[in-house]
Protein backbone atom coordinates (compact mmCIF):
# COMPACT_ATOMS: atom_id res chain seq x y z
CA UNK A 1 101.41 106.11 96.68
CA UNK A 2 102.77 109.68 94.81
CA UNK A 3 100.40 112.44 95.25
CA UNK A 4 102.23 114.83 93.10
CA UNK A 5 104.23 114.55 90.58
CA UNK A 6 105.53 118.51 88.80
CA UNK A 7 103.81 118.49 86.16
CA UNK A 8 106.39 120.14 83.86
CA UNK A 9 108.55 117.17 83.98
CA UNK A 10 109.92 115.52 80.31
CA UNK A 11 110.51 111.78 80.09
CA UNK A 12 111.39 111.67 76.43
CA UNK A 13 113.66 108.84 77.03
CA UNK A 14 111.00 105.98 77.32
CA UNK A 15 111.02 106.14 81.58
CA UNK A 16 109.23 102.81 82.88
CA UNK A 17 107.06 102.87 85.77
CA UNK A 18 106.45 98.96 86.60
CA UNK A 19 103.72 97.98 89.39
CA UNK A 20 102.91 100.10 92.12
CA UNK A 21 101.07 103.02 92.80
CA UNK A 22 100.45 106.69 90.98
CA UNK A 23 96.95 106.81 92.57
CA UNK A 24 95.69 110.46 92.50
CA UNK A 25 98.97 112.09 90.69
CA UNK A 26 99.16 115.60 89.14
CA UNK A 27 100.83 114.55 85.51
CA UNK A 28 99.12 117.21 83.74
CA UNK A 29 100.85 119.01 80.85
CA UNK A 30 104.16 116.01 81.19
CA UNK A 31 105.69 114.77 79.12
CA UNK A 32 105.85 111.14 78.84
CA UNK A 33 107.08 109.78 75.04
CA UNK A 34 107.38 106.39 74.95
CA UNK A 35 106.97 105.80 78.14
CA UNK A 36 106.26 102.22 79.91
CA UNK A 37 103.11 101.67 82.52
CA UNK A 38 103.36 98.10 83.25
CA UNK A 39 100.61 97.12 85.54
CA UNK A 40 100.08 100.21 87.45
CA UNK A 41 97.18 101.64 89.37
CA UNK A 42 96.57 104.91 87.75
CA UNK A 43 92.85 105.89 90.26
CA UNK A 44 92.22 109.43 89.34
CA UNK A 45 95.25 110.48 88.23
CA UNK A 46 95.53 113.26 85.74
CA UNK A 47 97.07 113.16 82.38
CA UNK A 48 94.99 116.20 81.31
CA UNK A 49 97.52 117.86 78.39
CA UNK A 50 99.96 115.42 78.71
CA UNK A 51 102.09 114.34 75.63
CA UNK A 52 101.95 110.14 75.77
CA UNK A 53 102.96 109.54 72.36
CA UNK A 54 103.96 106.16 71.75
CA UNK A 55 103.38 105.57 75.78
CA UNK A 56 102.50 101.45 76.59
CA UNK A 57 99.95 101.04 79.71
CA UNK A 58 100.20 97.49 80.01
CA UNK A 59 97.66 96.05 82.53
CA UNK A 60 96.70 98.97 84.47
CA UNK A 61 94.30 100.49 86.44
CA UNK A 62 92.71 103.69 85.61
CA UNK A 63 89.20 104.48 87.10
CA UNK A 64 88.94 107.54 86.97
CA UNK A 65 91.95 109.10 85.60
CA UNK A 66 91.48 112.14 82.74
CA UNK A 67 93.16 112.44 79.48
CA UNK A 68 91.36 115.28 78.60
CA UNK A 69 93.51 117.37 75.80
CA UNK A 70 96.13 114.38 76.20
CA UNK A 71 98.15 113.34 73.12
CA UNK A 72 98.21 109.75 73.05
CA UNK A 73 99.17 108.97 69.07
CA UNK A 74 100.53 105.62 68.60
CA UNK A 75 99.99 104.82 72.33
CA UNK A 76 98.64 101.36 73.09
CA UNK A 77 96.32 99.88 75.76
CA UNK A 78 97.30 96.32 76.29
CA UNK A 79 94.24 94.56 78.81
CA UNK A 80 93.03 96.21 82.14
CA UNK A 81 90.84 98.74 83.03
CA UNK A 82 89.89 102.04 82.06
CA UNK A 83 86.53 102.70 83.48
CA UNK A 84 85.19 106.06 83.96
CA UNK A 85 88.02 107.54 82.53
CA UNK A 86 87.85 111.06 80.70
CA UNK A 87 89.34 110.92 76.83
CA UNK A 88 87.76 114.27 75.61
CA UNK A 89 89.58 115.93 73.48
CA UNK A 90 92.60 113.80 73.10
CA UNK A 91 94.08 113.06 70.03
CA UNK A 92 94.36 108.94 70.19
CA UNK A 93 95.43 108.94 66.32
CA UNK A 94 96.71 105.33 65.35
CA UNK A 95 96.81 104.24 69.28
CA UNK A 96 95.45 100.62 69.59
CA UNK A 97 93.28 99.13 72.45
CA UNK A 98 94.27 95.36 72.82
CA UNK A 99 93.56 91.68 74.65
CA UNK A 100 96.27 91.17 76.91
CA UNK A 101 98.84 88.20 76.06
CA UNK A 102 96.27 86.31 78.16
CA UNK A 103 93.13 86.96 76.31
CA UNK A 104 92.01 89.95 78.61
CA UNK A 105 90.10 92.51 77.30
CA UNK A 106 90.74 96.51 77.93
CA UNK A 107 87.53 97.66 79.90
CA UNK A 108 85.71 101.06 78.68
CA UNK A 109 83.29 101.18 81.21
CA UNK A 110 81.88 105.05 81.44
CA UNK A 111 84.72 106.38 79.67
CA UNK A 112 84.35 109.37 77.42
CA UNK A 113 85.86 109.77 74.23
CA UNK A 114 83.47 113.21 73.92
CA UNK A 115 84.82 114.74 71.05
CA UNK A 116 88.16 112.73 70.61
CA UNK A 117 90.50 111.92 67.82
CA UNK A 118 90.26 108.18 66.92
CA UNK A 119 91.62 108.01 63.68
CA UNK A 120 92.81 104.79 62.48
CA UNK A 121 92.82 103.37 66.48
CA UNK A 122 92.43 100.00 66.85
CA UNK A 123 90.09 98.81 68.92
CA UNK A 124 90.76 94.28 69.80
CA UNK A 125 88.35 93.09 72.04
CA UNK A 126 87.57 95.70 74.09
CA UNK A 127 84.53 95.68 76.25
CA UNK A 128 82.32 98.43 76.99
CA UNK A 129 78.68 99.42 78.50
CA UNK A 130 75.92 101.76 78.13
CA UNK A 131 77.39 104.58 80.30
CA UNK A 132 80.91 104.87 77.62
CA UNK A 133 80.61 108.47 75.73
CA UNK A 134 81.70 107.88 72.09
CA UNK A 135 82.20 111.20 69.54
CA UNK A 136 79.64 111.97 67.51
CA UNK A 137 79.04 109.76 64.19
CA UNK A 138 81.53 107.60 65.97
CA UNK A 139 79.94 103.30 65.71
CA UNK A 140 81.59 101.41 68.26
CA UNK A 141 80.56 98.00 66.56
CA UNK A 142 81.86 98.76 63.50
CA UNK A 143 85.42 99.14 65.24
CA UNK A 144 85.65 95.80 67.23
CA UNK A 145 84.15 96.99 70.81
CA UNK A 146 81.85 94.91 72.91
CA UNK A 147 78.87 96.15 74.43
CA UNK A 148 78.24 94.64 77.54
CA UNK A 149 74.37 95.17 79.47
CA UNK A 150 75.89 95.03 82.87
């Protein structure tokens, strides 16, 4: 488990994080363009104000992670759990939340999308619950999200 990563690091060349734990990491303000996070645990990690343009999160578990103010344009979230994750004020333009290759959904229980830019976002097979917060005027079912009563 890594506890601190230099928040000013730039990984523009598509760094790959394969498996392992980045729990409780301070990655705020970092540049992670084209980074690939595959099967990584990101519990309570702080990506606030980070540039994650075209990053890919494949089968990641990010319970309580903070993506507030992050740039996630064209990012892909494929399968995995993003429960109680804060996306408030993030820019998710053209991002995709997709089922994995085995049909596993992206879980967004308790996620906070307050004031998040969701223009042209694809939600294919995402699950949310009553604690998930969406921007004012956003209709999750119209955008392909499925509400689960748990």
